[in-house]
N, C-alpha and C. Protein backbone atom coordinates (compact mmCIF):
# COMPACT_ATOMS: atom_id res chain seq x y z
N UNK A 1 1.93 18.77 -17.76
CA UNK A 1 1.18 17.55 -17.46
C UNK A 1 0.15 17.85 -16.38
N UNK A 2 -1.09 17.50 -16.62
CA UNK A 2 -2.17 17.69 -15.66
C UNK A 2 -2.31 16.42 -14.83
N UNK A 3 -2.12 16.54 -13.52
CA UNK A 3 -2.14 15.41 -12.60
C UNK A 3 -3.41 15.46 -11.76
N UNK A 4 -4.07 14.33 -11.64
CA UNK A 4 -5.18 14.19 -10.69
C UNK A 4 -4.65 13.38 -9.51
N UNK A 5 -4.72 13.96 -8.32
CA UNK A 5 -4.30 13.24 -7.12
C UNK A 5 -5.50 12.97 -6.23
N UNK A 6 -5.63 11.72 -5.84
CA UNK A 6 -6.72 11.28 -4.98
C UNK A 6 -6.13 10.67 -3.71
N UNK A 7 -6.58 11.15 -2.55
CA UNK A 7 -6.21 10.55 -1.27
C UNK A 7 -7.47 10.05 -0.58
N UNK A 8 -7.33 9.02 0.24
CA UNK A 8 -8.51 8.48 0.92
C UNK A 8 -8.26 8.17 2.39
N UNK A 9 -7.10 8.53 2.92
CA UNK A 9 -6.79 8.21 4.32
C UNK A 9 -7.67 9.02 5.27
N UNK A 10 -7.97 8.42 6.43
CA UNK A 10 -8.69 9.12 7.49
C UNK A 10 -7.72 9.62 8.56
N UNK A 11 -6.42 9.49 8.33
CA UNK A 11 -5.43 9.77 9.36
C UNK A 11 -4.71 11.11 9.20
N UNK A 12 -5.14 11.93 8.25
CA UNK A 12 -4.56 13.25 8.10
C UNK A 12 -3.05 13.23 7.96
N UNK A 13 -2.31 14.01 8.77
CA UNK A 13 -0.86 14.07 8.64
C UNK A 13 -0.14 12.79 9.02
N UNK A 14 -0.85 11.84 9.61
CA UNK A 14 -0.24 10.56 9.99
C UNK A 14 -0.43 9.49 8.92
N UNK A 15 -0.91 9.86 7.76
CA UNK A 15 -1.22 8.89 6.71
C UNK A 15 0.04 8.36 6.02
N UNK A 16 0.19 7.04 6.04
CA UNK A 16 1.31 6.42 5.34
C UNK A 16 1.12 6.45 3.83
N UNK A 17 -0.12 6.31 3.37
CA UNK A 17 -0.36 6.32 1.92
C UNK A 17 -0.14 7.71 1.34
N UNK A 18 -0.61 8.74 2.04
CA UNK A 18 -0.39 10.11 1.56
C UNK A 18 1.09 10.47 1.58
N UNK A 19 1.82 9.93 2.55
CA UNK A 19 3.27 10.16 2.60
C UNK A 19 3.95 9.64 1.33
N UNK A 20 3.53 8.47 0.88
CA UNK A 20 4.08 7.94 -0.36
C UNK A 20 3.68 8.79 -1.57
N UNK A 21 2.42 9.23 -1.59
CA UNK A 21 1.97 10.07 -2.70
C UNK A 21 2.74 11.39 -2.74
N UNK A 22 3.09 11.91 -1.56
CA UNK A 22 3.88 13.14 -1.51
C UNK A 22 5.23 12.95 -2.19
N UNK A 23 5.83 11.78 -2.02
CA UNK A 23 7.12 11.51 -2.64
C UNK A 23 7.00 11.48 -4.16
N UNK A 24 5.92 10.90 -4.66
CA UNK A 24 5.69 10.90 -6.11
C UNK A 24 5.53 12.33 -6.61
N UNK A 25 4.67 13.08 -5.94
CA UNK A 25 4.38 14.45 -6.37
C UNK A 25 5.61 15.35 -6.29
N UNK A 26 6.48 15.11 -5.32
CA UNK A 26 7.69 15.93 -5.15
C UNK A 26 8.53 15.96 -6.41
N UNK A 27 8.51 14.87 -7.17
CA UNK A 27 9.31 14.79 -8.40
C UNK A 27 8.65 15.51 -9.57
N UNK A 28 7.45 16.06 -9.36
CA UNK A 28 6.69 16.68 -10.45
C UNK A 28 6.56 18.19 -10.24
N UNK A 29 7.60 18.80 -9.75
CA UNK A 29 7.57 20.23 -9.47
C UNK A 29 7.10 21.01 -10.70
N UNK A 30 6.11 21.87 -10.49
CA UNK A 30 5.60 22.68 -11.60
C UNK A 30 4.42 22.09 -12.32
N UNK A 31 4.10 20.83 -12.03
CA UNK A 31 2.95 20.20 -12.70
C UNK A 31 1.65 20.75 -12.11
N UNK A 32 0.63 20.80 -12.95
CA UNK A 32 -0.71 21.20 -12.49
C UNK A 32 -1.33 19.99 -11.78
N UNK A 33 -1.67 20.16 -10.50
CA UNK A 33 -2.21 19.06 -9.72
C UNK A 33 -3.61 19.41 -9.23
N UNK A 34 -4.58 18.63 -9.63
CA UNK A 34 -5.94 18.75 -9.10
C UNK A 34 -6.09 17.72 -8.01
N UNK A 35 -6.62 18.13 -6.87
CA UNK A 35 -6.67 17.26 -5.70
C UNK A 35 -8.11 16.96 -5.28
N UNK A 36 -8.27 15.75 -4.79
CA UNK A 36 -9.52 15.37 -4.15
C UNK A 36 -9.15 14.47 -2.97
N UNK A 37 -9.51 14.89 -1.75
CA UNK A 37 -9.19 14.09 -0.57
C UNK A 37 -10.49 13.47 -0.06
N UNK A 38 -10.66 12.22 -0.37
CA UNK A 38 -11.90 11.52 -0.06
C UNK A 38 -12.07 11.24 1.43
N UNK A 39 -10.95 11.18 2.16
CA UNK A 39 -11.04 10.95 3.59
C UNK A 39 -11.41 12.22 4.34
N UNK A 40 -10.84 13.35 3.92
CA UNK A 40 -11.11 14.62 4.59
C UNK A 40 -12.42 15.24 4.12
N UNK A 41 -12.79 14.98 2.88
CA UNK A 41 -14.01 15.56 2.31
C UNK A 41 -14.77 14.45 1.57
N UNK A 42 -15.42 13.55 2.31
CA UNK A 42 -16.03 12.37 1.70
C UNK A 42 -17.16 12.72 0.72
N UNK A 43 -17.29 11.89 -0.28
CA UNK A 43 -18.43 11.98 -1.18
C UNK A 43 -19.67 11.43 -0.47
N UNK A 44 -20.86 11.90 -0.83
CA UNK A 44 -22.08 11.39 -0.18
C UNK A 44 -22.23 9.88 -0.36
N UNK A 45 -22.47 9.19 0.72
CA UNK A 45 -22.52 7.72 0.67
C UNK A 45 -23.65 7.20 -0.20
N UNK A 46 -24.72 7.98 -0.35
CA UNK A 46 -25.87 7.51 -1.13
C UNK A 46 -25.86 8.00 -2.57
N UNK A 47 -24.80 8.73 -2.96
CA UNK A 47 -24.81 9.35 -4.28
C UNK A 47 -24.79 8.33 -5.41
N UNK A 48 -24.03 7.24 -5.23
CA UNK A 48 -23.95 6.25 -6.30
C UNK A 48 -25.31 5.59 -6.54
N UNK A 49 -25.96 5.17 -5.46
CA UNK A 49 -27.27 4.53 -5.62
C UNK A 49 -28.26 5.49 -6.26
N UNK A 50 -28.21 6.75 -5.87
CA UNK A 50 -29.15 7.73 -6.42
C UNK A 50 -28.87 7.97 -7.90
N UNK A 51 -27.59 8.02 -8.28
CA UNK A 51 -27.23 8.21 -9.69
C UNK A 51 -27.70 7.02 -10.53
N UNK A 52 -27.55 5.82 -10.02
CA UNK A 52 -27.99 4.63 -10.76
C UNK A 52 -29.51 4.62 -10.87
N UNK A 53 -30.20 4.95 -9.80
CA UNK A 53 -31.67 4.98 -9.84
C UNK A 53 -32.18 5.99 -10.87
N UNK A 54 -31.44 7.07 -11.06
CA UNK A 54 -31.87 8.11 -11.99
C UNK A 54 -32.00 7.59 -13.42
N UNK A 55 -31.23 6.58 -13.76
CA UNK A 55 -31.29 6.02 -15.11
C UNK A 55 -32.65 5.40 -15.41
N UNK A 56 -33.41 5.09 -14.38
CA UNK A 56 -34.71 4.45 -14.56
C UNK A 56 -35.86 5.44 -14.41
N UNK A 57 -35.50 6.72 -14.34
CA UNK A 57 -36.52 7.76 -14.17
C UNK A 57 -36.41 8.75 -15.33
N UNK A 58 -37.50 9.07 -16.03
CA UNK A 58 -37.43 10.08 -17.09
C UNK A 58 -36.80 11.36 -16.57
N UNK A 59 -36.00 12.02 -17.42
CA UNK A 59 -35.26 13.19 -16.98
C UNK A 59 -36.17 14.24 -16.35
N UNK A 60 -37.33 14.46 -16.96
CA UNK A 60 -38.21 15.51 -16.44
C UNK A 60 -38.92 15.11 -15.15
N UNK A 61 -38.75 13.85 -14.72
CA UNK A 61 -39.36 13.41 -13.47
C UNK A 61 -38.33 13.16 -12.36
N UNK A 62 -37.09 13.44 -12.66
CA UNK A 62 -36.04 13.21 -11.67
C UNK A 62 -36.10 14.24 -10.55
N UNK A 63 -35.73 13.81 -9.36
CA UNK A 63 -35.67 14.69 -8.21
C UNK A 63 -34.39 15.52 -8.24
N UNK A 64 -34.31 16.51 -7.37
CA UNK A 64 -33.08 17.28 -7.25
C UNK A 64 -31.91 16.37 -6.87
N UNK A 65 -32.17 15.39 -6.02
CA UNK A 65 -31.12 14.46 -5.61
C UNK A 65 -30.63 13.64 -6.80
N UNK A 66 -31.54 13.22 -7.69
CA UNK A 66 -31.13 12.52 -8.90
C UNK A 66 -30.19 13.39 -9.73
N UNK A 67 -30.60 14.61 -9.99
CA UNK A 67 -29.78 15.50 -10.83
C UNK A 67 -28.42 15.77 -10.20
N UNK A 68 -28.40 15.98 -8.88
CA UNK A 68 -27.15 16.27 -8.19
C UNK A 68 -26.19 15.08 -8.26
N UNK A 69 -26.72 13.89 -8.06
CA UNK A 69 -25.88 12.70 -8.05
C UNK A 69 -25.36 12.36 -9.45
N UNK A 70 -26.21 12.52 -10.45
CA UNK A 70 -25.78 12.28 -11.83
C UNK A 70 -24.68 13.28 -12.22
N UNK A 71 -24.87 14.53 -11.81
CA UNK A 71 -23.86 15.55 -12.12
C UNK A 71 -22.54 15.24 -11.42
N UNK A 72 -22.60 14.77 -10.17
CA UNK A 72 -21.38 14.44 -9.44
C UNK A 72 -20.66 13.26 -10.10
N UNK A 73 -21.41 12.25 -10.51
CA UNK A 73 -20.79 11.12 -11.20
C UNK A 73 -20.11 11.57 -12.48
N UNK A 74 -20.76 12.44 -13.23
CA UNK A 74 -20.16 12.96 -14.46
C UNK A 74 -18.92 13.79 -14.19
N UNK A 75 -18.95 14.55 -13.10
CA UNK A 75 -17.79 15.37 -12.73
C UNK A 75 -16.58 14.50 -12.41
N UNK A 76 -16.79 13.43 -11.66
CA UNK A 76 -15.69 12.55 -11.28
C UNK A 76 -15.12 11.83 -12.49
N UNK A 77 -15.99 11.36 -13.36
CA UNK A 77 -15.51 10.72 -14.59
C UNK A 77 -14.74 11.73 -15.44
N UNK A 78 -15.24 12.95 -15.49
CA UNK A 78 -14.58 13.99 -16.27
C UNK A 78 -13.20 14.33 -15.75
N UNK A 79 -13.01 14.28 -14.43
CA UNK A 79 -11.69 14.54 -13.86
C UNK A 79 -10.69 13.49 -14.30
N UNK A 80 -11.12 12.24 -14.36
CA UNK A 80 -10.23 11.18 -14.84
C UNK A 80 -9.91 11.35 -16.32
N UNK A 81 -10.90 11.68 -17.12
CA UNK A 81 -10.67 11.90 -18.55
C UNK A 81 -9.70 13.04 -18.79
N UNK A 82 -9.83 14.11 -18.01
CA UNK A 82 -9.04 15.32 -18.24
C UNK A 82 -7.59 15.18 -17.77
N UNK A 83 -7.31 14.23 -16.89
CA UNK A 83 -5.97 14.07 -16.35
C UNK A 83 -5.04 13.42 -17.36
N UNK A 84 -3.79 13.85 -17.34
CA UNK A 84 -2.76 13.18 -18.13
C UNK A 84 -2.18 12.00 -17.36
N UNK A 85 -2.28 12.06 -16.04
CA UNK A 85 -1.80 10.99 -15.17
C UNK A 85 -2.49 11.13 -13.82
N UNK A 86 -2.52 10.03 -13.07
CA UNK A 86 -3.13 10.09 -11.74
C UNK A 86 -2.18 9.52 -10.70
N UNK A 87 -2.25 10.13 -9.52
CA UNK A 87 -1.57 9.63 -8.32
C UNK A 87 -2.67 9.34 -7.31
N UNK A 88 -2.75 8.10 -6.86
CA UNK A 88 -3.88 7.70 -6.03
C UNK A 88 -3.38 6.98 -4.79
N UNK A 89 -3.66 7.56 -3.62
CA UNK A 89 -3.24 6.98 -2.34
C UNK A 89 -4.45 6.39 -1.64
N UNK A 90 -4.56 5.06 -1.68
CA UNK A 90 -5.75 4.37 -1.18
C UNK A 90 -5.36 3.32 -0.16
N UNK A 91 -5.46 3.64 1.13
CA UNK A 91 -5.07 2.66 2.15
C UNK A 91 -6.05 1.50 2.26
N UNK A 92 -5.55 0.45 2.86
CA UNK A 92 -6.30 -0.78 3.12
C UNK A 92 -6.96 -0.65 4.49
N UNK A 93 -8.29 -0.78 4.53
CA UNK A 93 -9.02 -0.67 5.80
C UNK A 93 -9.91 -1.89 5.99
N UNK A 94 -9.85 -2.48 7.17
CA UNK A 94 -10.74 -3.60 7.52
C UNK A 94 -10.77 -4.66 6.43
N UNK A 95 -9.58 -5.00 5.94
CA UNK A 95 -9.36 -6.10 4.99
C UNK A 95 -9.83 -5.80 3.58
N UNK A 96 -10.18 -4.56 3.29
CA UNK A 96 -10.66 -4.26 1.95
C UNK A 96 -10.45 -2.82 1.55
N UNK A 97 -11.25 -2.39 0.59
CA UNK A 97 -11.16 -1.05 0.02
C UNK A 97 -11.86 -0.07 0.96
N UNK A 98 -11.24 1.08 1.18
CA UNK A 98 -11.86 2.13 1.97
C UNK A 98 -13.24 2.47 1.42
N UNK A 99 -14.21 2.69 2.30
CA UNK A 99 -15.54 3.07 1.83
C UNK A 99 -15.49 4.36 1.03
N UNK A 100 -14.58 5.27 1.38
CA UNK A 100 -14.46 6.53 0.66
C UNK A 100 -13.99 6.29 -0.77
N UNK A 101 -13.01 5.41 -0.91
CA UNK A 101 -12.49 5.10 -2.24
C UNK A 101 -13.51 4.35 -3.08
N UNK A 102 -14.23 3.43 -2.44
CA UNK A 102 -15.22 2.63 -3.18
C UNK A 102 -16.34 3.53 -3.72
N UNK A 103 -16.78 4.49 -2.91
CA UNK A 103 -17.81 5.42 -3.38
C UNK A 103 -17.31 6.21 -4.58
N UNK A 104 -16.07 6.68 -4.52
CA UNK A 104 -15.48 7.43 -5.63
C UNK A 104 -15.41 6.57 -6.90
N UNK A 105 -14.92 5.35 -6.75
CA UNK A 105 -14.79 4.45 -7.90
C UNK A 105 -16.16 4.16 -8.52
N UNK A 106 -17.13 3.83 -7.68
CA UNK A 106 -18.47 3.51 -8.19
C UNK A 106 -19.08 4.70 -8.93
N UNK A 107 -18.94 5.88 -8.36
CA UNK A 107 -19.51 7.07 -9.00
C UNK A 107 -18.81 7.39 -10.31
N UNK A 108 -17.49 7.27 -10.33
CA UNK A 108 -16.76 7.57 -11.57
C UNK A 108 -17.16 6.60 -12.68
N UNK A 109 -17.32 5.33 -12.34
CA UNK A 109 -17.77 4.35 -13.34
C UNK A 109 -19.17 4.71 -13.83
N UNK A 110 -20.04 5.09 -12.90
CA UNK A 110 -21.40 5.47 -13.29
C UNK A 110 -21.42 6.71 -14.17
N UNK A 111 -20.45 7.60 -13.98
CA UNK A 111 -20.42 8.84 -14.74
C UNK A 111 -19.83 8.71 -16.13
N UNK A 112 -19.20 7.58 -16.41
CA UNK A 112 -18.64 7.35 -17.74
C UNK A 112 -19.64 6.66 -18.66
N UNK A 113 -19.25 6.56 -19.91
CA UNK A 113 -20.06 5.77 -20.84
C UNK A 113 -19.91 4.30 -20.51
N UNK A 114 -20.87 3.49 -20.90
CA UNK A 114 -20.83 2.06 -20.59
C UNK A 114 -19.55 1.44 -21.14
N UNK A 115 -18.72 0.90 -20.25
CA UNK A 115 -17.48 0.27 -20.67
C UNK A 115 -16.35 1.22 -20.99
N UNK A 116 -16.53 2.50 -20.71
CA UNK A 116 -15.50 3.49 -21.05
C UNK A 116 -14.25 3.30 -20.19
N UNK A 117 -13.10 3.30 -20.86
CA UNK A 117 -11.82 3.21 -20.16
C UNK A 117 -11.35 4.64 -19.89
N UNK A 118 -11.65 5.12 -18.72
CA UNK A 118 -11.45 6.53 -18.40
C UNK A 118 -9.99 6.94 -18.34
N UNK A 119 -9.09 5.96 -18.18
CA UNK A 119 -7.67 6.27 -18.12
C UNK A 119 -6.89 5.54 -19.21
N UNK A 120 -7.51 5.30 -20.32
CA UNK A 120 -6.89 4.51 -21.40
C UNK A 120 -5.50 5.04 -21.74
N UNK A 121 -4.48 4.18 -21.53
CA UNK A 121 -3.12 4.51 -21.91
C UNK A 121 -2.43 5.54 -21.04
N UNK A 122 -3.07 5.98 -19.97
CA UNK A 122 -2.47 7.01 -19.11
C UNK A 122 -1.78 6.36 -17.90
N UNK A 123 -0.69 6.97 -17.43
CA UNK A 123 -0.04 6.40 -16.24
C UNK A 123 -0.85 6.66 -14.98
N UNK A 124 -0.93 5.63 -14.16
CA UNK A 124 -1.60 5.72 -12.86
C UNK A 124 -0.66 5.13 -11.81
N UNK A 125 -0.27 5.94 -10.84
CA UNK A 125 0.53 5.45 -9.73
C UNK A 125 -0.41 5.27 -8.55
N UNK A 126 -0.64 4.03 -8.19
CA UNK A 126 -1.56 3.70 -7.10
C UNK A 126 -0.72 3.23 -5.91
N UNK A 127 -0.91 3.90 -4.77
CA UNK A 127 -0.13 3.62 -3.57
C UNK A 127 -1.07 3.10 -2.50
N UNK A 128 -0.78 1.90 -2.00
CA UNK A 128 -1.67 1.33 -0.99
C UNK A 128 -0.84 0.82 0.19
N UNK A 129 -1.34 1.03 1.39
CA UNK A 129 -0.59 0.70 2.60
C UNK A 129 -1.44 -0.17 3.52
N UNK A 130 -0.75 -1.02 4.28
CA UNK A 130 -1.43 -1.95 5.19
C UNK A 130 -0.74 -1.93 6.55
N UNK A 131 -1.50 -1.89 7.61
CA UNK A 131 -0.94 -1.82 8.95
C UNK A 131 -0.18 -3.07 9.35
N UNK A 132 -0.68 -4.22 8.93
CA UNK A 132 -0.03 -5.49 9.22
C UNK A 132 0.58 -6.10 7.98
N UNK A 133 0.74 -7.42 8.00
CA UNK A 133 1.32 -8.14 6.87
C UNK A 133 0.35 -9.23 6.42
N UNK A 134 0.18 -9.35 5.11
CA UNK A 134 -0.84 -10.26 4.56
C UNK A 134 -0.29 -11.15 3.45
N UNK A 135 1.02 -11.21 3.31
CA UNK A 135 1.64 -11.97 2.24
C UNK A 135 1.67 -13.47 2.50
N UNK A 136 2.22 -14.23 1.55
CA UNK A 136 2.30 -15.68 1.69
C UNK A 136 3.01 -16.09 2.97
N UNK A 137 2.42 -17.03 3.68
CA UNK A 137 3.02 -17.55 4.90
C UNK A 137 2.67 -16.79 6.15
N UNK A 138 2.00 -15.64 6.01
CA UNK A 138 1.59 -14.89 7.20
C UNK A 138 0.27 -15.45 7.72
N UNK A 139 -0.04 -15.21 9.01
CA UNK A 139 -1.30 -15.73 9.56
C UNK A 139 -2.54 -15.24 8.81
N UNK A 140 -2.45 -14.06 8.20
CA UNK A 140 -3.62 -13.53 7.49
C UNK A 140 -3.41 -13.49 5.99
N UNK A 141 -2.66 -14.44 5.50
CA UNK A 141 -2.55 -14.59 4.04
C UNK A 141 -3.95 -14.79 3.45
N UNK A 142 -4.24 -14.04 2.38
CA UNK A 142 -5.53 -14.15 1.71
C UNK A 142 -6.59 -13.19 2.25
N UNK A 143 -6.24 -12.43 3.30
CA UNK A 143 -7.21 -11.50 3.87
C UNK A 143 -7.20 -10.13 3.18
N UNK A 144 -6.28 -9.91 2.30
CA UNK A 144 -6.21 -8.62 1.59
C UNK A 144 -7.19 -8.65 0.42
N UNK A 145 -8.32 -7.98 0.59
CA UNK A 145 -9.33 -7.91 -0.47
C UNK A 145 -9.35 -6.52 -1.11
N UNK A 146 -8.23 -5.83 -1.02
CA UNK A 146 -8.08 -4.48 -1.53
C UNK A 146 -7.22 -4.41 -2.78
N UNK A 147 -6.05 -5.01 -2.72
CA UNK A 147 -5.03 -4.76 -3.74
C UNK A 147 -5.41 -5.31 -5.10
N UNK A 148 -5.89 -6.53 -5.17
CA UNK A 148 -6.30 -7.07 -6.47
C UNK A 148 -7.47 -6.30 -7.04
N UNK A 149 -8.37 -5.82 -6.19
CA UNK A 149 -9.48 -5.00 -6.66
C UNK A 149 -8.96 -3.73 -7.33
N UNK A 150 -7.99 -3.08 -6.72
CA UNK A 150 -7.43 -1.86 -7.30
C UNK A 150 -6.78 -2.15 -8.65
N UNK A 151 -6.10 -3.28 -8.75
CA UNK A 151 -5.51 -3.67 -10.05
C UNK A 151 -6.60 -3.81 -11.11
N UNK A 152 -7.68 -4.49 -10.76
CA UNK A 152 -8.76 -4.71 -11.72
C UNK A 152 -9.35 -3.37 -12.17
N UNK A 153 -9.60 -2.47 -11.25
CA UNK A 153 -10.25 -1.21 -11.60
C UNK A 153 -9.34 -0.35 -12.46
N UNK A 154 -8.13 -0.09 -11.99
CA UNK A 154 -7.26 0.87 -12.69
C UNK A 154 -6.71 0.31 -14.00
N UNK A 155 -6.27 -0.93 -13.99
CA UNK A 155 -5.66 -1.50 -15.21
C UNK A 155 -6.71 -2.06 -16.16
N UNK A 156 -7.63 -2.86 -15.66
CA UNK A 156 -8.55 -3.58 -16.54
C UNK A 156 -9.80 -2.77 -16.88
N UNK A 157 -10.42 -2.16 -15.87
CA UNK A 157 -11.65 -1.41 -16.13
C UNK A 157 -11.34 -0.05 -16.76
N UNK A 158 -10.35 0.66 -16.22
CA UNK A 158 -10.06 2.01 -16.70
C UNK A 158 -8.92 2.08 -17.70
N UNK A 159 -8.19 0.99 -17.90
CA UNK A 159 -7.19 0.94 -18.97
C UNK A 159 -5.92 1.70 -18.71
N UNK A 160 -5.60 1.98 -17.45
CA UNK A 160 -4.40 2.75 -17.13
C UNK A 160 -3.13 1.91 -17.27
N UNK A 161 -2.02 2.60 -17.48
CA UNK A 161 -0.70 1.98 -17.35
C UNK A 161 -0.35 2.02 -15.86
N UNK A 162 -0.57 0.93 -15.18
CA UNK A 162 -0.57 0.93 -13.72
C UNK A 162 0.81 0.67 -13.13
N UNK A 163 1.19 1.53 -12.18
CA UNK A 163 2.30 1.27 -11.28
C UNK A 163 1.71 1.16 -9.89
N UNK A 164 1.79 -0.02 -9.30
CA UNK A 164 1.22 -0.26 -7.99
C UNK A 164 2.34 -0.36 -6.96
N UNK A 165 2.29 0.47 -5.95
CA UNK A 165 3.31 0.48 -4.90
C UNK A 165 2.63 0.14 -3.58
N UNK A 166 3.16 -0.86 -2.89
CA UNK A 166 2.57 -1.35 -1.65
C UNK A 166 3.56 -1.19 -0.50
N UNK A 167 3.01 -0.92 0.67
CA UNK A 167 3.82 -0.90 1.89
C UNK A 167 3.04 -1.57 3.01
N UNK A 168 3.68 -2.53 3.68
CA UNK A 168 3.05 -3.22 4.80
C UNK A 168 3.70 -2.83 6.12
N UNK A 169 3.10 -3.29 7.21
CA UNK A 169 3.61 -3.09 8.57
C UNK A 169 3.69 -1.61 8.96
N UNK A 170 2.75 -0.80 8.48
CA UNK A 170 2.78 0.62 8.84
C UNK A 170 2.41 0.85 10.31
N UNK A 171 1.84 -0.16 10.98
CA UNK A 171 1.50 -0.02 12.40
C UNK A 171 2.63 -0.44 13.32
N UNK A 172 3.74 -0.87 12.76
CA UNK A 172 4.92 -1.13 13.60
C UNK A 172 5.40 0.20 14.17
N UNK A 173 5.58 0.23 15.49
CA UNK A 173 5.91 1.48 16.16
C UNK A 173 4.68 2.15 16.75
N UNK A 174 3.51 1.69 16.31
CA UNK A 174 2.24 2.19 16.84
C UNK A 174 1.59 1.12 17.72
N UNK A 175 1.56 -0.11 17.21
CA UNK A 175 0.99 -1.24 17.93
C UNK A 175 2.13 -2.06 18.55
N UNK A 176 2.26 -2.07 19.89
CA UNK A 176 3.36 -2.79 20.53
C UNK A 176 3.42 -4.28 20.17
N UNK A 177 2.30 -4.86 19.77
CA UNK A 177 2.29 -6.27 19.43
C UNK A 177 3.14 -6.57 18.19
N UNK A 178 3.49 -5.52 17.45
CA UNK A 178 4.26 -5.70 16.22
C UNK A 178 5.73 -5.29 16.38
N UNK A 179 6.16 -5.05 17.60
CA UNK A 179 7.53 -4.56 17.83
C UNK A 179 8.60 -5.51 17.30
N UNK A 180 8.29 -6.79 17.26
CA UNK A 180 9.28 -7.77 16.79
C UNK A 180 9.61 -7.59 15.31
N UNK A 181 8.78 -6.83 14.60
CA UNK A 181 8.96 -6.67 13.15
C UNK A 181 9.56 -5.31 12.78
N UNK A 182 10.21 -4.66 13.73
CA UNK A 182 10.73 -3.32 13.49
C UNK A 182 11.69 -3.27 12.32
N UNK A 183 12.62 -4.18 12.26
CA UNK A 183 13.59 -4.17 11.17
C UNK A 183 12.93 -4.46 9.83
N UNK A 184 12.03 -5.42 9.81
CA UNK A 184 11.31 -5.76 8.58
C UNK A 184 10.51 -4.56 8.09
N UNK A 185 9.83 -3.89 9.01
CA UNK A 185 9.02 -2.73 8.64
C UNK A 185 9.89 -1.61 8.10
N UNK A 186 11.05 -1.40 8.69
CA UNK A 186 11.95 -0.35 8.22
C UNK A 186 12.41 -0.64 6.80
N UNK A 187 12.68 -1.89 6.49
CA UNK A 187 13.10 -2.25 5.14
C UNK A 187 11.96 -2.07 4.14
N UNK A 188 10.75 -2.45 4.55
CA UNK A 188 9.58 -2.26 3.67
C UNK A 188 9.34 -0.77 3.40
N UNK A 189 9.51 0.04 4.42
CA UNK A 189 9.35 1.50 4.26
C UNK A 189 10.37 2.03 3.26
N UNK A 190 11.61 1.62 3.41
CA UNK A 190 12.67 2.07 2.51
C UNK A 190 12.38 1.69 1.06
N UNK A 191 11.97 0.45 0.86
CA UNK A 191 11.67 -0.02 -0.50
C UNK A 191 10.51 0.76 -1.10
N UNK A 192 9.46 0.98 -0.31
CA UNK A 192 8.29 1.72 -0.81
C UNK A 192 8.65 3.17 -1.12
N UNK A 193 9.46 3.79 -0.26
CA UNK A 193 9.88 5.18 -0.51
C UNK A 193 10.68 5.27 -1.81
N UNK A 194 11.57 4.34 -2.01
CA UNK A 194 12.38 4.35 -3.23
C UNK A 194 11.50 4.14 -4.47
N UNK A 195 10.53 3.26 -4.36
CA UNK A 195 9.63 2.99 -5.48
C UNK A 195 8.78 4.21 -5.80
N UNK A 196 8.30 4.91 -4.78
CA UNK A 196 7.48 6.10 -4.99
C UNK A 196 8.29 7.21 -5.66
N UNK A 197 9.51 7.41 -5.21
CA UNK A 197 10.37 8.42 -5.83
C UNK A 197 10.67 8.08 -7.28
N UNK A 198 10.95 6.81 -7.53
CA UNK A 198 11.21 6.39 -8.91
C UNK A 198 9.99 6.57 -9.79
N UNK A 199 8.80 6.30 -9.26
CA UNK A 199 7.57 6.46 -10.04
C UNK A 199 7.37 7.94 -10.38
N UNK A 200 7.67 8.82 -9.43
CA UNK A 200 7.56 10.24 -9.70
C UNK A 200 8.51 10.70 -10.79
N UNK A 201 9.72 10.20 -10.76
CA UNK A 201 10.71 10.56 -11.78
C UNK A 201 10.28 10.05 -13.16
N UNK A 202 9.69 8.87 -13.17
CA UNK A 202 9.20 8.34 -14.45
C UNK A 202 8.08 9.21 -15.00
N UNK A 203 7.17 9.63 -14.13
CA UNK A 203 6.11 10.54 -14.58
C UNK A 203 6.69 11.86 -15.08
N UNK A 204 7.65 12.39 -14.35
CA UNK A 204 8.26 13.66 -14.75
C UNK A 204 8.93 13.57 -16.12
N UNK A 205 9.52 12.43 -16.41
CA UNK A 205 10.19 12.24 -17.70
C UNK A 205 9.23 12.20 -18.85
N UNK A 206 7.95 11.92 -18.57
CA UNK A 206 6.94 11.84 -19.61
C UNK A 206 6.28 13.18 -19.88
N UNK A 207 6.54 14.16 -19.02
CA UNK A 207 5.85 15.44 -19.15
C UNK A 207 6.49 16.31 -20.23
């Protein structure tokens, strides 16, 4: 099974989302894994706009930047097409989608055919983490503009068989203001870890 793994955290070894992705991958010993770390090696922020602009310029009149951006978009779309499954660790930043992840998503869409479902029928394990809590009844209920977007992209736009794993309160133990939620955070961590391991075993069974 050929696995595409995407990470987008800016926190390196302290990343809660990458920690969950590691648990999924651990169950896939021996699988071919292609990696792209958008946080450690970001895609050019202007590449998507340049790739889109290229569509309005005759091929023989395109700049080097046009050609480079179009090629990058095609490469990213091709990685999704070539994968048998994807593991994607995309943390929640500033109430929405990481800029690194959004650039990747936009470019991959631009690199596909119009309306192409790049992950049609393929399993996608998407892991997303949040420092605080945003569920019903919390002070910031409705402030999560990340998770539903990821559902729309992976399941509806790209046609994947989506497994979405979420973990909240990852800043408990880091931010003293959240110390009262230590037990809740520990339970959320346990549930997310178990879900990630189970998702990995499910992927392994399909290989």
